[in-house]
């Protein structure tokens, strides 16, 4: 799994660090950091979905072999 999804794992780590860096005390929709925060959440969810789909395909392929 690690070798196939290394890029996605690095994306997940980067998005988690970006989300943790967001200041929740002054949350407003006007600054760019808020929109980067939302984009990070969407990219994080997409990366998890992509890993899940890839692993399901690989497990089905290995079961049929």
PDB file of N, CA and C in Angstrom:
ATOM      1  N   UNK A   1       0.823  -1.199   0.000  1.00  0.00           N
ATOM      2  CA  UNK A   1       0.000   0.000   0.000  1.00  0.00           C
ATOM      3  C   UNK A   1       0.864   1.259   0.000  1.00  0.00           C
ATOM      4  N   UNK A   2       1.892   1.284   0.809  1.00  0.00           N
ATOM      5  CA  UNK A   2       2.709   2.492   0.937  1.00  0.00           C
ATOM      6  C   UNK A   2       3.355   2.853  -0.399  1.00  0.00           C
ATOM      7  N   UNK A   3       3.855   1.862  -1.102  1.00  0.00           N
ATOM      8  CA  UNK A   3       4.551   2.145  -2.353  1.00  0.00           C
ATOM      9  C   UNK A   3       3.598   2.659  -3.423  1.00  0.00           C
ATOM     10  N   UNK A   4       2.395   2.097  -3.502  1.00  0.00           N
ATOM     11  CA  UNK A   4       1.433   2.516  -4.519  1.00  0.00           C
ATOM     12  C   UNK A   4       0.864   3.899  -4.241  1.00  0.00           C
ATOM     13  N   UNK A   5       0.666   4.230  -2.989  1.00  0.00           N
ATOM     14  CA  UNK A   5      -0.052   5.450  -2.636  1.00  0.00           C
ATOM     15  C   UNK A   5       0.831   6.481  -1.937  1.00  0.00           C
ATOM     16  N   UNK A   6       2.119   6.468  -2.194  1.00  0.00           N
ATOM     17  CA  UNK A   6       3.031   7.381  -1.514  1.00  0.00           C
ATOM     18  C   UNK A   6       2.686   8.840  -1.797  1.00  0.00           C
ATOM     19  N   UNK A   7       2.348   9.163  -3.032  1.00  0.00           N
ATOM     20  CA  UNK A   7       1.979  10.538  -3.372  1.00  0.00           C
ATOM     21  C   UNK A   7       0.744  10.992  -2.617  1.00  0.00           C
ATOM     22  N   UNK A   8      -0.255  10.119  -2.539  1.00  0.00           N
ATOM     23  CA  UNK A   8      -1.474  10.471  -1.818  1.00  0.00           C
ATOM     24  C   UNK A   8      -1.221  10.604  -0.322  1.00  0.00           C
ATOM     25  N   UNK A   9      -0.346   9.779   0.216  1.00  0.00           N
ATOM     26  CA  UNK A   9      -0.022   9.880   1.639  1.00  0.00           C
ATOM     27  C   UNK A   9       0.664  11.203   1.933  1.00  0.00           C
ATOM     28  N   UNK A  10       1.555  11.630   1.058  1.00  0.00           N
ATOM     29  CA  UNK A  10       2.214  12.925   1.244  1.00  0.00           C
ATOM     30  C   UNK A  10       1.215  14.079   1.117  1.00  0.00           C
ATOM     31  N   UNK A  11       0.250  13.961   0.210  1.00  0.00           N
ATOM     32  CA  UNK A  11      -0.798  14.974   0.086  1.00  0.00           C
ATOM     33  C   UNK A  11      -1.630  15.032   1.362  1.00  0.00           C
ATOM     34  N   UNK A  12      -1.958  13.881   1.926  1.00  0.00           N
ATOM     35  CA  UNK A  12      -2.730  13.836   3.161  1.00  0.00           C
ATOM     36  C   UNK A  12      -1.973  14.504   4.294  1.00  0.00           C
ATOM     37  N   UNK A  13      -0.686  14.230   4.411  1.00  0.00           N
ATOM     38  CA  UNK A  13       0.126  14.863   5.454  1.00  0.00           C
ATOM     39  C   UNK A  13       0.168  16.369   5.268  1.00  0.00           C
ATOM     40  N   UNK A  14       0.339  16.828   4.027  1.00  0.00           N
ATOM     41  CA  UNK A  14       0.391  18.271   3.760  1.00  0.00           C
ATOM     42  C   UNK A  14      -0.937  18.945   4.088  1.00  0.00           C
ATOM     43  N   UNK A  15      -2.043  18.307   3.739  1.00  0.00           N
ATOM     44  CA  UNK A  15      -3.351  18.903   4.016  1.00  0.00           C
ATOM     45  C   UNK A  15      -3.652  18.921   5.509  1.00  0.00           C
ATOM     46  N   UNK A  16      -3.245  17.882   6.230  1.00  0.00           N
ATOM     47  CA  UNK A  16      -3.439  17.876   7.683  1.00  0.00           C
ATOM     48  C   UNK A  16      -2.635  18.997   8.332  1.00  0.00           C
ATOM     49  N   UNK A  17      -1.397  19.190   7.882  1.00  0.00           N
ATOM     50  CA  UNK A  17      -0.588  20.285   8.421  1.00  0.00           C
ATOM     51  C   UNK A  17      -1.195  21.640   8.097  1.00  0.00           C
ATOM     52  N   UNK A  18      -1.762  21.789   6.906  1.00  0.00           N
ATOM     53  CA  UNK A  18      -2.415  23.039   6.531  1.00  0.00           C
ATOM     54  C   UNK A  18      -3.654  23.294   7.388  1.00  0.00           C
ATOM     55  N   UNK A  19      -4.427  22.253   7.652  1.00  0.00           N
ATOM     56  CA  UNK A  19      -5.626  22.400   8.486  1.00  0.00           C
ATOM     57  C   UNK A  19      -5.237  22.747   9.919  1.00  0.00           C
ATOM     58  N   UNK A  20      -4.180  22.110  10.432  1.00  0.00           N
ATOM     59  CA  UNK A  20      -3.740  22.405  11.798  1.00  0.00           C
ATOM     60  C   UNK A  20      -3.165  23.807  11.926  1.00  0.00           C
ATOM     61  N   UNK A  21      -2.674  24.358  10.827  1.00  0.00           N
ATOM     62  CA  UNK A  21      -2.090  25.693  10.832  1.00  0.00           C
ATOM     63  C   UNK A  21      -3.143  26.799  10.779  1.00  0.00           C
ATOM     64  N   UNK A  22      -4.385  26.435  10.486  1.00  0.00           N
ATOM     65  CA  UNK A  22      -5.460  27.409  10.344  1.00  0.00           C
ATOM     66  C   UNK A  22      -5.834  27.977  11.707  1.00  0.00           C
ATOM     67  N   UNK A  23      -6.031  29.301  11.781  1.00  0.00           N
ATOM     68  CA  UNK A  23      -6.422  29.942  13.030  1.00  0.00           C
ATOM     69  C   UNK A  23      -7.934  29.914  13.196  1.00  0.00           C
ATOM     70  N   UNK A  24      -8.415  29.124  14.131  1.00  0.00           N
ATOM     71  CA  UNK A  24      -9.855  28.975  14.313  1.00  0.00           C
ATOM     72  C   UNK A  24     -10.462  30.117  15.127  1.00  0.00           C
ATOM     73  N   UNK A  25      -9.644  30.927  15.787  1.00  0.00           N
ATOM     74  CA  UNK A  25     -10.176  32.001  16.622  1.00  0.00           C
ATOM     75  C   UNK A  25     -10.795  33.120  15.806  1.00  0.00           C
ATOM     76  N   UNK A  26     -10.189  33.455  14.703  1.00  0.00           N
ATOM     77  CA  UNK A  26     -10.709  34.541  13.867  1.00  0.00           C
ATOM     78  C   UNK A  26     -11.182  34.001  12.520  1.00  0.00           C
ATOM     79  N   UNK A  27     -12.136  33.101  12.573  1.00  0.00           N
ATOM     80  CA  UNK A  27     -12.614  32.452  11.350  1.00  0.00           C
ATOM     81  C   UNK A  27     -13.607  33.379  10.635  1.00  0.00           C
ATOM     82  N   UNK A  28     -13.226  33.814   9.461  1.00  0.00           N
ATOM     83  CA  UNK A  28     -14.064  34.667   8.631  1.00  0.00           C
ATOM     84  C   UNK A  28     -13.924  34.177   7.194  1.00  0.00           C
ATOM     85  N   UNK A  29     -14.954  34.406   6.387  1.00  0.00           N
ATOM     86  CA  UNK A  29     -14.918  33.900   5.016  1.00  0.00           C
ATOM     87  C   UNK A  29     -14.160  34.817   4.059  1.00  0.00           C
ATOM     88  N   UNK A  30     -13.736  35.973   4.505  1.00  0.00           N
ATOM     89  CA  UNK A  30     -13.073  36.911   3.600  1.00  0.00           C
ATOM     90  C   UNK A  30     -11.598  36.596   3.339  1.00  0.00           C
ATOM     91  N   UNK A  31     -10.805  36.216   4.337  1.00  0.00           N
ATOM     92  CA  UNK A  31      -9.383  36.005   4.039  1.00  0.00           C
ATOM     93  C   UNK A  31      -9.129  34.762   3.191  1.00  0.00           C
ATOM     94  N   UNK A  32      -8.004  34.803   2.521  1.00  0.00           N
ATOM     95  CA  UNK A  32      -7.616  33.692   1.646  1.00  0.00           C
ATOM     96  C   UNK A  32      -7.353  32.421   2.450  1.00  0.00           C
ATOM     97  N   UNK A  33      -6.901  32.556   3.691  1.00  0.00           N
ATOM     98  CA  UNK A  33      -6.591  31.380   4.497  1.00  0.00           C
ATOM     99  C   UNK A  33      -7.829  30.523   4.747  1.00  0.00           C
ATOM    100  N   UNK A  34      -9.003  31.129   4.836  1.00  0.00           N
ATOM    101  CA  UNK A  34     -10.236  30.359   5.022  1.00  0.00           C
ATOM    102  C   UNK A  34     -10.513  29.495   3.800  1.00  0.00           C
ATOM    103  N   UNK A  35     -10.345  30.059   2.619  1.00  0.00           N
ATOM    104  CA  UNK A  35     -10.606  29.302   1.393  1.00  0.00           C
ATOM    105  C   UNK A  35      -9.554  28.223   1.172  1.00  0.00           C
ATOM    106  N   UNK A  36      -8.315  28.487   1.587  1.00  0.00           N
ATOM    107  CA  UNK A  36      -7.296  27.443   1.532  1.00  0.00           C
ATOM    108  C   UNK A  36      -7.619  26.321   2.512  1.00  0.00           C
ATOM    109  N   UNK A  37      -8.180  26.677   3.661  1.00  0.00           N
ATOM    110  CA  UNK A  37      -8.610  25.694   4.651  1.00  0.00           C
ATOM    111  C   UNK A  37      -9.700  24.793   4.057  1.00  0.00           C
ATOM    112  N   UNK A  38     -10.700  25.386   3.415  1.00  0.00           N
ATOM    113  CA  UNK A  38     -11.763  24.595   2.792  1.00  0.00           C
ATOM    114  C   UNK A  38     -11.224  23.712   1.665  1.00  0.00           C
ATOM    115  N   UNK A  39     -10.336  24.264   0.858  1.00  0.00           N
ATOM    116  CA  UNK A  39      -9.736  23.477  -0.223  1.00  0.00           C
ATOM    117  C   UNK A  39      -8.929  22.309   0.343  1.00  0.00           C
ATOM    118  N   UNK A  40      -8.235  22.537   1.451  1.00  0.00           N
ATOM    119  CA  UNK A  40      -7.463  21.466   2.087  1.00  0.00           C
ATOM    120  C   UNK A  40      -8.370  20.339   2.549  1.00  0.00           C
ATOM    121  N   UNK A  41      -9.516  20.692   3.090  1.00  0.00           N
ATOM    122  CA  UNK A  41     -10.466  19.670   3.537  1.00  0.00           C
ATOM    123  C   UNK A  41     -10.958  18.847   2.348  1.00  0.00           C
ATOM    124  N   UNK A  42     -11.297  19.514   1.246  1.00  0.00           N
ATOM    125  CA  UNK A  42     -11.781  18.798   0.069  1.00  0.00           C
ATOM    126  C   UNK A  42     -10.697  17.904  -0.539  1.00  0.00           C
ATOM    127  N   UNK A  43      -9.477  18.392  -0.597  1.00  0.00           N
ATOM    128  CA  UNK A  43      -8.372  17.590  -1.135  1.00  0.00           C
ATOM    129  C   UNK A  43      -8.090  16.402  -0.218  1.00  0.00           C
ATOM    130  N   UNK A  44      -8.176  16.613   1.080  1.00  0.00           N
ATOM    131  CA  UNK A  44      -7.961  15.533   2.043  1.00  0.00           C
ATOM    132  C   UNK A  44      -9.012  14.437   1.874  1.00  0.00           C
ATOM    133  N   UNK A  45     -10.256  14.827   1.732  1.00  0.00           N
ATOM    134  CA  UNK A  45     -11.332  13.849   1.528  1.00  0.00           C
ATOM    135  C   UNK A  45     -11.140  13.110   0.203  1.00  0.00           C
ATOM    136  N   UNK A  46     -10.774  13.831  -0.845  1.00  0.00           N
ATOM    137  CA  UNK A  46     -10.546  13.200  -2.153  1.00  0.00           C
ATOM    138  C   UNK A  46      -9.379  12.213  -2.098  1.00  0.00           C
ATOM    139  N   UNK A  47      -8.331  12.538  -1.357  1.00  0.00           N
ATOM    140  CA  UNK A  47      -7.182  11.633  -1.239  1.00  0.00           C
ATOM    141  C   UNK A  47      -7.570  10.353  -0.502  1.00  0.00           C
ATOM    142  N   UNK A  48      -8.360  10.487   0.572  1.00  0.00           N
ATOM    143  CA  UNK A  48      -8.816   9.300   1.283  1.00  0.00           C
ATOM    144  C   UNK A  48      -9.703   8.424   0.395  1.00  0.00           C
ATOM    145  N   UNK A  49     -10.580   9.040  -0.366  1.00  0.00           N
ATOM    146  CA  UNK A  49     -11.454   8.281  -1.268  1.00  0.00           C
ATOM    147  C   UNK A  49     -10.627   7.574  -2.332  1.00  0.00           C
ATOM    148  N   UNK A  50      -9.634   8.257  -2.888  1.00  0.00           N
ATOM    149  CA  UNK A  50      -8.782   7.663  -3.918  1.00  0.00           C
ATOM    150  C   UNK A  50      -7.998   6.469  -3.377  1.00  0.00           C
ATOM    151  N   UNK A  51      -7.479   6.582  -2.159  1.00  0.00           N
ATOM    152  CA  UNK A  51      -6.758   5.452  -1.552  1.00  0.00           C
ATOM    153  C   UNK A  51      -7.720   4.294  -1.330  1.00  0.00           C
ATOM    154  N   UNK A  52      -8.919   4.579  -0.842  1.00  0.00           N
ATOM    155  CA  UNK A  52      -9.905   3.534  -0.596  1.00  0.00           C
ATOM    156  C   UNK A  52     -10.269   2.805  -1.892  1.00  0.00           C
ATOM    157  N   UNK A  53     -10.499   3.543  -2.960  1.00  0.00           N
ATOM    158  CA  UNK A  53     -10.850   2.934  -4.250  1.00  0.00           C
ATOM    159  C   UNK A  53      -9.688   2.100  -4.785  1.00  0.00           C
ATOM    160  N   UNK A  54      -8.480   2.636  -4.702  1.00  0.00           N
ATOM    161  CA  UNK A  54      -7.304   1.920  -5.195  1.00  0.00           C
ATOM    162  C   UNK A  54      -7.087   0.624  -4.431  1.00  0.00           C
ATOM    163  N   UNK A  55      -7.231   0.675  -3.124  1.00  0.00           N
ATOM    164  CA  UNK A  55      -7.016  -0.527  -2.324  1.00  0.00           C
ATOM    165  C   UNK A  55      -8.109  -1.563  -2.578  1.00  0.00           C
ATOM    166  N   UNK A  56      -9.335  -1.127  -2.799  1.00  0.00           N
ATOM    167  CA  UNK A  56     -10.397  -2.086  -3.122  1.00  0.00           C
ATOM    168  C   UNK A  56     -10.134  -2.770  -4.455  1.00  0.00           C
ATOM    169  N   UNK A  57      -9.686  -2.003  -5.452  1.00  0.00           N
ATOM    170  CA  UNK A  57      -9.355  -2.608  -6.750  1.00  0.00           C
ATOM    171  C   UNK A  57      -8.226  -3.611  -6.625  1.00  0.00           C
ATOM    172  N   UNK A  58      -7.198  -3.265  -5.858  1.00  0.00           N
ATOM    173  CA  UNK A  58      -6.055  -4.161  -5.689  1.00  0.00           C
ATOM    174  C   UNK A  58      -6.441  -5.421  -4.920  1.00  0.00           C
ATOM    175  N   UNK A  59      -7.300  -5.289  -3.919  1.00  0.00           N
ATOM    176  CA  UNK A  59      -7.693  -6.481  -3.156  1.00  0.00           C
ATOM    177  C   UNK A  59      -8.559  -7.400  -4.007  1.00  0.00           C
ATOM    178  N   UNK A  60      -9.428  -6.844  -4.841  1.00  0.00           N
ATOM    179  CA  UNK A  60     -10.241  -7.675  -5.748  1.00  0.00           C
ATOM    180  C   UNK A  60      -9.371  -8.356  -6.778  1.00  0.00           C
ATOM    181  N   UNK A  61      -8.348  -7.637  -7.262  1.00  0.00           N
ATOM    182  CA  UNK A  61      -7.443  -8.211  -8.252  1.00  0.00           C
ATOM    183  C   UNK A  61      -6.631  -9.346  -7.639  1.00  0.00           C
ATOM    184  N   UNK A  62      -6.166  -9.192  -6.402  1.00  0.00           N
ATOM    185  CA  UNK A  62      -5.354 -10.233  -5.776  1.00  0.00           C
ATOM    186  C   UNK A  62      -6.211 -11.444  -5.389  1.00  0.00           C
ATOM    187  N   UNK A  63      -7.501 -11.227  -5.093  1.00  0.00           N
ATOM    188  CA  UNK A  63      -8.380 -12.355  -4.766  1.00  0.00           C
ATOM    189  C   UNK A  63      -8.679 -13.196  -6.000  1.00  0.00           C
ATOM    190  N   UNK A  64      -8.767 -12.568  -7.154  1.00  0.00           N
ATOM    191  CA  UNK A  64      -9.078 -13.315  -8.382  1.00  0.00           C
ATOM    192  C   UNK A  64      -7.874 -14.074  -8.910  1.00  0.00           C
ATOM    193  N   UNK A  65      -6.662 -13.667  -8.503  1.00  0.00           N
ATOM    194  CA  UNK A  65      -5.450 -14.357  -8.994  1.00  0.00           C
ATOM    195  C   UNK A  65      -5.200 -15.659  -8.285  1.00  0.00           C
TER     196      UNK A  65
END
